[in-house]
All heavy atoms as atom14 arrays in JSON, in Angstrom:
{
  "sequence": "VAPLPWKGAVLAPEGVYDGEITPFSRQKPVLRFYP",
  "atom14_mask": [
    [1, 1, 1, 1, 1, 1, 1, 0, 0, 0, 0, 0, 0, 0],
    [1, 1, 1, 1, 1, 0, 0, 0, 0, 0, 0, 0, 0, 0],
    [1, 1, 1, 1, 1, 1, 1, 0, 0, 0, 0, 0, 0, 0],
    [1, 1, 1, 1, 1, 1, 1, 1, 0, 0, 0, 0, 0, 0],
    [1, 1, 1, 1, 1, 1, 1, 0, 0, 0, 0, 0, 0, 0],
    [1, 1, 1, 1, 1, 1, 1, 1, 1, 1, 1, 1, 1, 1],
    [1, 1, 1, 1, 1, 1, 1, 1, 1, 0, 0, 0, 0, 0],
    [1, 1, 1, 1, 0, 0, 0, 0, 0, 0, 0, 0, 0, 0],
    [1, 1, 1, 1, 1, 0, 0, 0, 0, 0, 0, 0, 0, 0],
    [1, 1, 1, 1, 1, 1, 1, 0, 0, 0, 0, 0, 0, 0],
    [1, 1, 1, 1, 1, 1, 1, 1, 0, 0, 0, 0, 0, 0],
    [1, 1, 1, 1, 1, 0, 0, 0, 0, 0, 0, 0, 0, 0],
    [1, 1, 1, 1, 1, 1, 1, 0, 0, 0, 0, 0, 0, 0],
    [1, 1, 1, 1, 1, 1, 1, 1, 1, 0, 0, 0, 0, 0],
    [1, 1, 1, 1, 0, 0, 0, 0, 0, 0, 0, 0, 0, 0],
    [1, 1, 1, 1, 1, 1, 1, 0, 0, 0, 0, 0, 0, 0],
    [1, 1, 1, 1, 1, 1, 1, 1, 1, 1, 1, 1, 0, 0],
    [1, 1, 1, 1, 1, 1, 1, 1, 0, 0, 0, 0, 0, 0],
    [1, 1, 1, 1, 0, 0, 0, 0, 0, 0, 0, 0, 0, 0],
    [1, 1, 1, 1, 1, 1, 1, 1, 1, 0, 0, 0, 0, 0],
    [1, 1, 1, 1, 1, 1, 1, 1, 0, 0, 0, 0, 0, 0],
    [1, 1, 1, 1, 1, 1, 1, 0, 0, 0, 0, 0, 0, 0],
    [1, 1, 1, 1, 1, 1, 1, 0, 0, 0, 0, 0, 0, 0],
    [1, 1, 1, 1, 1, 1, 1, 1, 1, 1, 1, 0, 0, 0],
    [1, 1, 1, 1, 1, 1, 0, 0, 0, 0, 0, 0, 0, 0],
    [1, 1, 1, 1, 1, 1, 1, 1, 1, 1, 1, 0, 0, 0],
    [1, 1, 1, 1, 1, 1, 1, 1, 1, 0, 0, 0, 0, 0],
    [1, 1, 1, 1, 1, 1, 1, 1, 1, 0, 0, 0, 0, 0],
    [1, 1, 1, 1, 1, 1, 1, 0, 0, 0, 0, 0, 0, 0],
    [1, 1, 1, 1, 1, 1, 1, 0, 0, 0, 0, 0, 0, 0],
    [1, 1, 1, 1, 1, 1, 1, 1, 0, 0, 0, 0, 0, 0],
    [1, 1, 1, 1, 1, 1, 1, 1, 1, 1, 1, 0, 0, 0],
    [1, 1, 1, 1, 1, 1, 1, 1, 1, 1, 1, 0, 0, 0],
    [1, 1, 1, 1, 1, 1, 1, 1, 1, 1, 1, 1, 0, 0],
    [1, 1, 1, 1, 1, 1, 1, 0, 0, 0, 0, 0, 0, 0]
  ],
  "atom14_positions": [
    [[87.31, 74.05, -16.52], [85.96, 74.45, -16.87], [85.48, 73.88, -18.2], [84.31, 73.64, -18.37], [85.83, 76.0, -16.89], [85.93, 76.55, -15.5], [86.84, 76.63, -17.81], [0.0, 0.0, 0.0], [0.0, 0.0, 0.0], [0.0, 0.0, 0.0], [0.0, 0.0, 0.0], [0.0, 0.0, 0.0], [0.0, 0.0, 0.0], [0.0, 0.0, 0.0]],
    [[86.37, 73.67, -19.13], [85.98, 73.17, -20.45], [85.69, 71.67, -20.38], [86.35, 70.94, -19.66], [87.1, 73.44, -21.46], [0.0, 0.0, 0.0], [0.0, 0.0, 0.0], [0.0, 0.0, 0.0], [0.0, 0.0, 0.0], [0.0, 0.0, 0.0], [0.0, 0.0, 0.0], [0.0, 0.0, 0.0], [0.0, 0.0, 0.0], [0.0, 0.0, 0.0]],
    [[84.7, 71.2, -21.13], [84.39, 69.77, -21.15], [85.39, 69.01, -22.04], [85.06, 68.56, -23.12], [82.97, 69.72, -21.71], [82.88, 70.93, -22.57], [83.74, 71.98, -21.92], [0.0, 0.0, 0.0], [0.0, 0.0, 0.0], [0.0, 0.0, 0.0], [0.0, 0.0, 0.0], [0.0, 0.0, 0.0], [0.0, 0.0, 0.0], [0.0, 0.0, 0.0]],
    [[86.6, 68.9, -21.57], [87.65, 68.23, -22.34], [87.53, 66.72, -22.2], [86.84, 66.23, -21.31], [89.02, 68.71, -21.86], [89.27, 70.21, -22.06], [90.57, 70.62, -21.42], [89.27, 70.56, -23.54], [0.0, 0.0, 0.0], [0.0, 0.0, 0.0], [0.0, 0.0, 0.0], [0.0, 0.0, 0.0], [0.0, 0.0, 0.0], [0.0, 0.0, 0.0]],
    [[88.22, 66.01, -23.06], [88.11, 64.54, -23.01], [88.6, 63.94, -21.7], [89.52, 64.44, -21.07], [89.03, 64.09, -24.15], [89.21, 65.27, -25.02], [89.07, 66.47, -24.15], [0.0, 0.0, 0.0], [0.0, 0.0, 0.0], [0.0, 0.0, 0.0], [0.0, 0.0, 0.0], [0.0, 0.0, 0.0], [0.0, 0.0, 0.0], [0.0, 0.0, 0.0]],
    [[87.95, 62.87, -21.34], [88.36, 62.03, -20.22], [88.82, 60.71, -20.81], [88.23, 60.2, -21.76], [87.2, 61.76, -19.28], [86.86, 62.92, -18.4], [86.18, 64.04, -18.75], [87.18, 63.06, -17.02], [86.07, 64.88, -17.67], [86.66, 64.3, -16.6], [87.84, 62.26, -16.1], [86.8, 64.75, -15.3], [87.97, 62.71, -14.8], [87.45, 63.94, -14.41]],
    [[89.88, 60.16, -20.25], [90.39, 58.86, -20.69], [90.21, 57.87, -19.56], [90.3, 58.23, -18.39], [91.86, 58.94, -21.08], [92.1, 59.8, -22.31], [93.57, 59.8, -22.68], [93.79, 60.66, -23.89], [93.8, 59.9, -25.11], [0.0, 0.0, 0.0], [0.0, 0.0, 0.0], [0.0, 0.0, 0.0], [0.0, 0.0, 0.0], [0.0, 0.0, 0.0]],
    [[89.96, 56.63, -19.92], [89.8, 55.6, -18.92], [90.37, 54.29, -19.41], [90.53, 54.08, -20.61], [0.0, 0.0, 0.0], [0.0, 0.0, 0.0], [0.0, 0.0, 0.0], [0.0, 0.0, 0.0], [0.0, 0.0, 0.0], [0.0, 0.0, 0.0], [0.0, 0.0, 0.0], [0.0, 0.0, 0.0], [0.0, 0.0, 0.0], [0.0, 0.0, 0.0]],
    [[90.69, 53.4, -18.49], [91.2, 52.08, -18.85], [90.72, 51.06, -17.83], [90.52, 51.38, -16.66], [92.73, 52.1, -18.89], [0.0, 0.0, 0.0], [0.0, 0.0, 0.0], [0.0, 0.0, 0.0], [0.0, 0.0, 0.0], [0.0, 0.0, 0.0], [0.0, 0.0, 0.0], [0.0, 0.0, 0.0], [0.0, 0.0, 0.0], [0.0, 0.0, 0.0]],
    [[90.53, 49.84, -18.31], [90.14, 48.73, -17.46], [91.03, 47.55, -17.82], [91.15, 47.19, -19.0], [88.66, 48.34, -17.66], [88.31, 47.1, -16.86], [87.75, 49.5, -17.32], [0.0, 0.0, 0.0], [0.0, 0.0, 0.0], [0.0, 0.0, 0.0], [0.0, 0.0, 0.0], [0.0, 0.0, 0.0], [0.0, 0.0, 0.0], [0.0, 0.0, 0.0]],
    [[91.68, 46.96, -16.82], [92.5, 45.77, -17.01], [91.64, 44.56, -16.75], [91.04, 44.42, -15.68], [93.7, 45.79, -16.05], [94.61, 44.57, -16.08], [95.27, 44.42, -17.45], [95.66, 44.68, -15.0], [0.0, 0.0, 0.0], [0.0, 0.0, 0.0], [0.0, 0.0, 0.0], [0.0, 0.0, 0.0], [0.0, 0.0, 0.0], [0.0, 0.0, 0.0]],
    [[91.55, 43.68, -17.74], [90.8, 42.44, -17.62], [91.74, 41.28, -17.94], [92.8, 41.49, -18.53], [89.62, 42.46, -18.6], [0.0, 0.0, 0.0], [0.0, 0.0, 0.0], [0.0, 0.0, 0.0], [0.0, 0.0, 0.0], [0.0, 0.0, 0.0], [0.0, 0.0, 0.0], [0.0, 0.0, 0.0], [0.0, 0.0, 0.0], [0.0, 0.0, 0.0]],
    [[91.37, 40.07, -17.58], [92.26, 38.93, -17.86], [92.62, 38.8, -19.34], [93.72, 38.37, -19.68], [91.45, 37.72, -17.39], [90.52, 38.26, -16.37], [90.2, 39.66, -16.81], [0.0, 0.0, 0.0], [0.0, 0.0, 0.0], [0.0, 0.0, 0.0], [0.0, 0.0, 0.0], [0.0, 0.0, 0.0], [0.0, 0.0, 0.0], [0.0, 0.0, 0.0]],
    [[91.73, 39.2, -20.22], [91.98, 39.05, -21.65], [92.7, 40.24, -22.29], [93.08, 40.2, -23.46], [90.67, 38.78, -22.4], [89.65, 39.92, -22.35], [88.75, 39.92, -21.12], [88.99, 39.16, -20.16], [87.8, 40.71, -21.11], [0.0, 0.0, 0.0], [0.0, 0.0, 0.0], [0.0, 0.0, 0.0], [0.0, 0.0, 0.0], [0.0, 0.0, 0.0]],
    [[92.92, 41.32, -21.55], [93.63, 42.47, -22.09], [93.2, 43.76, -21.43], [92.68, 43.77, -20.31], [0.0, 0.0, 0.0], [0.0, 0.0, 0.0], [0.0, 0.0, 0.0], [0.0, 0.0, 0.0], [0.0, 0.0, 0.0], [0.0, 0.0, 0.0], [0.0, 0.0, 0.0], [0.0, 0.0, 0.0], [0.0, 0.0, 0.0], [0.0, 0.0, 0.0]],
    [[93.41, 44.87, -22.14], [93.07, 46.19, -21.61], [92.03, 46.84, -22.52], [92.18, 46.86, -23.74], [94.33, 47.09, -21.53], [93.95, 48.52, -21.17], [95.32, 46.54, -20.51], [0.0, 0.0, 0.0], [0.0, 0.0, 0.0], [0.0, 0.0, 0.0], [0.0, 0.0, 0.0], [0.0, 0.0, 0.0], [0.0, 0.0, 0.0], [0.0, 0.0, 0.0]],
    [[90.99, 47.34, -21.89], [89.97, 48.12, -22.58], [90.27, 49.58, -22.24], [90.45, 49.91, -21.07], [88.58, 47.77, -22.08], [88.17, 46.35, -22.36], [88.5, 45.32, -21.48], [87.44, 46.04, -23.51], [88.13, 44.01, -21.74], [87.06, 44.73, -23.77], [87.4, 43.72, -22.88], [87.03, 42.43, -23.13], [0.0, 0.0, 0.0], [0.0, 0.0, 0.0]],
    [[90.35, 50.43, -23.24], [90.5, 51.85, -22.92], [89.58, 52.66, -23.8], [89.07, 52.2, -24.82], [91.96, 52.32, -22.99], [92.48, 52.62, -24.37], [91.75, 52.45, -25.37], [93.64, 53.04, -24.48], [0.0, 0.0, 0.0], [0.0, 0.0, 0.0], [0.0, 0.0, 0.0], [0.0, 0.0, 0.0], [0.0, 0.0, 0.0], [0.0, 0.0, 0.0]],
    [[89.32, 53.86, -23.35], [88.39, 54.69, -24.08], [88.58, 56.16, -23.76], [89.32, 56.53, -22.85], [0.0, 0.0, 0.0], [0.0, 0.0, 0.0], [0.0, 0.0, 0.0], [0.0, 0.0, 0.0], [0.0, 0.0, 0.0], [0.0, 0.0, 0.0], [0.0, 0.0, 0.0], [0.0, 0.0, 0.0], [0.0, 0.0, 0.0], [0.0, 0.0, 0.0]],
    [[87.92, 56.95, -24.56], [87.95, 58.4, -24.38], [86.55, 58.93, -24.62], [85.87, 58.52, -25.56], [88.93, 59.03, -25.37], [89.06, 60.52, -25.21], [90.12, 61.11, -26.14], [91.28, 60.68, -26.06], [89.75, 61.98, -26.93], [0.0, 0.0, 0.0], [0.0, 0.0, 0.0], [0.0, 0.0, 0.0], [0.0, 0.0, 0.0], [0.0, 0.0, 0.0]],
    [[86.12, 59.82, -23.74], [84.8, 60.41, -23.87], [84.91, 61.92, -23.63], [85.68, 62.37, -22.79], [83.8, 59.77, -22.88], [82.39, 60.29, -23.13], [84.25, 59.99, -21.44], [81.32, 59.51, -22.39], [0.0, 0.0, 0.0], [0.0, 0.0, 0.0], [0.0, 0.0, 0.0], [0.0, 0.0, 0.0], [0.0, 0.0, 0.0], [0.0, 0.0, 0.0]],
    [[84.16, 62.68, -24.4], [84.11, 64.12, -24.23], [82.69, 64.48, -23.79], [81.73, 64.26, -24.55], [84.46, 64.86, -25.54], [85.74, 64.46, -25.96], [84.43, 66.38, -25.35], [0.0, 0.0, 0.0], [0.0, 0.0, 0.0], [0.0, 0.0, 0.0], [0.0, 0.0, 0.0], [0.0, 0.0, 0.0], [0.0, 0.0, 0.0], [0.0, 0.0, 0.0]],
    [[82.54, 64.97, -22.57], [81.21, 65.33, -22.09], [80.53, 66.35, -23.01], [81.18, 67.23, -23.57], [81.47, 65.94, -20.71], [82.79, 65.39, -20.31], [83.57, 65.22, -21.58], [0.0, 0.0, 0.0], [0.0, 0.0, 0.0], [0.0, 0.0, 0.0], [0.0, 0.0, 0.0], [0.0, 0.0, 0.0], [0.0, 0.0, 0.0], [0.0, 0.0, 0.0]],
    [[79.24, 66.21, -23.16], [78.4, 67.13, -23.94], [78.74, 67.12, -25.43], [78.34, 68.02, -26.16], [78.47, 68.56, -23.4], [78.3, 68.65, -21.92], [79.34, 69.04, -21.12], [77.09, 68.31, -21.33], [79.2, 69.1, -19.74], [76.93, 68.36, -19.95], [77.99, 68.76, -19.15], [0.0, 0.0, 0.0], [0.0, 0.0, 0.0], [0.0, 0.0, 0.0]],
    [[79.47, 66.14, -25.9], [79.82, 66.05, -27.32], [78.83, 65.14, -28.03], [78.3, 64.2, -27.44], [81.23, 65.49, -27.47], [81.5, 65.25, -28.83], [0.0, 0.0, 0.0], [0.0, 0.0, 0.0], [0.0, 0.0, 0.0], [0.0, 0.0, 0.0], [0.0, 0.0, 0.0], [0.0, 0.0, 0.0], [0.0, 0.0, 0.0], [0.0, 0.0, 0.0]],
    [[78.61, 65.42, -29.3], [77.74, 64.57, -30.1], [78.48, 63.33, -30.61], [77.88, 62.41, -31.1], [77.19, 65.35, -31.28], [76.23, 66.44, -30.85], [75.72, 67.2, -32.06], [75.03, 68.39, -31.65], [73.72, 68.55, -31.77], [72.99, 67.59, -32.28], [73.16, 69.65, -31.36], [0.0, 0.0, 0.0], [0.0, 0.0, 0.0], [0.0, 0.0, 0.0]],
    [[79.82, 63.35, -30.49], [80.6, 62.21, -30.94], [80.46, 61.06, -29.95], [80.41, 61.26, -28.74], [82.08, 62.58, -31.06], [82.36, 63.57, -32.15], [83.85, 63.89, -32.23], [84.6, 63.62, -31.3], [84.26, 64.43, -33.35], [0.0, 0.0, 0.0], [0.0, 0.0, 0.0], [0.0, 0.0, 0.0], [0.0, 0.0, 0.0], [0.0, 0.0, 0.0]],
    [[80.41, 59.85, -30.5], [80.36, 58.67, -29.65], [81.72, 58.46, -29.01], [82.74, 58.84, -29.56], [79.99, 57.45, -30.48], [78.57, 57.5, -31.0], [78.21, 56.22, -31.7], [76.77, 56.31, -32.16], [76.32, 55.05, -32.72], [0.0, 0.0, 0.0], [0.0, 0.0, 0.0], [0.0, 0.0, 0.0], [0.0, 0.0, 0.0], [0.0, 0.0, 0.0]],
    [[81.73, 57.84, -27.84], [83.02, 57.56, -27.19], [83.9, 56.68, -28.08], [83.4, 55.82, -28.8], [82.63, 56.8, -25.92], [81.2, 57.13, -25.7], [80.6, 57.39, -27.04], [0.0, 0.0, 0.0], [0.0, 0.0, 0.0], [0.0, 0.0, 0.0], [0.0, 0.0, 0.0], [0.0, 0.0, 0.0], [0.0, 0.0, 0.0], [0.0, 0.0, 0.0]],
    [[85.19, 56.92, -28.03], [86.15, 56.1, -28.76], [86.62, 55.01, -27.8], [87.2, 55.3, -26.76], [87.36, 56.96, -29.23], [88.39, 56.09, -29.92], [86.9, 58.09, -30.12], [0.0, 0.0, 0.0], [0.0, 0.0, 0.0], [0.0, 0.0, 0.0], [0.0, 0.0, 0.0], [0.0, 0.0, 0.0], [0.0, 0.0, 0.0], [0.0, 0.0, 0.0]],
    [[86.34, 53.77, -28.14], [86.7, 52.64, -27.29], [87.62, 51.7, -28.06], [87.42, 51.46, -29.24], [85.44, 51.88, -26.85], [84.4, 52.71, -26.11], [83.13, 51.89, -25.91], [84.94, 53.19, -24.79], [0.0, 0.0, 0.0], [0.0, 0.0, 0.0], [0.0, 0.0, 0.0], [0.0, 0.0, 0.0], [0.0, 0.0, 0.0], [0.0, 0.0, 0.0]],
    [[88.64, 51.18, -27.38], [89.6, 50.26, -27.99], [89.84, 49.08, -27.05], [89.77, 49.23, -25.83], [90.93, 50.95, -28.24], [90.89, 51.97, -29.34], [92.27, 52.63, -29.5], [92.13, 54.04, -29.76], [92.05, 55.01, -28.85], [92.14, 54.76, -27.59], [91.89, 56.26, -29.2], [0.0, 0.0, 0.0], [0.0, 0.0, 0.0], [0.0, 0.0, 0.0]],
    [[90.16, 47.94, -27.64], [90.55, 46.77, -26.87], [91.92, 46.32, -27.33], [92.17, 46.2, -28.53], [89.54, 45.63, -27.03], [89.98, 44.35, -26.38], [90.09, 44.27, -25.0], [90.31, 43.26, -27.15], [90.5, 43.1, -24.39], [90.73, 42.08, -26.54], [90.82, 42.0, -25.17], [0.0, 0.0, 0.0], [0.0, 0.0, 0.0], [0.0, 0.0, 0.0]],
    [[92.82, 46.09, -26.37], [94.17, 45.6, -26.66], [94.32, 44.24, -25.99], [94.47, 44.16, -24.77], [95.22, 46.59, -26.14], [95.08, 47.93, -26.8], [94.44, 48.98, -26.14], [95.55, 48.14, -28.07], [94.29, 50.2, -26.76], [95.4, 49.38, -28.69], [94.76, 50.4, -28.03], [94.6, 51.61, -28.63], [0.0, 0.0, 0.0], [0.0, 0.0, 0.0]],
    [[94.23, 43.15, -26.78], [94.31, 41.82, -26.18], [95.72, 41.51, -25.7], [96.7, 42.03, -26.21], [93.91, 40.89, -27.33], [94.29, 41.66, -28.57], [94.08, 43.11, -28.23], [0.0, 0.0, 0.0], [0.0, 0.0, 0.0], [0.0, 0.0, 0.0], [0.0, 0.0, 0.0], [0.0, 0.0, 0.0], [0.0, 0.0, 0.0], [0.0, 0.0, 0.0]]
  ]
}
């Protein structure tokens, strides 16, 4: 029930993009790239 963080990842030829988002939060999503 709580709007807890969601994590996601995308594999691309140049590396992995991952991020975390908390629904209904004023904070911007935290996104990282690992080449």
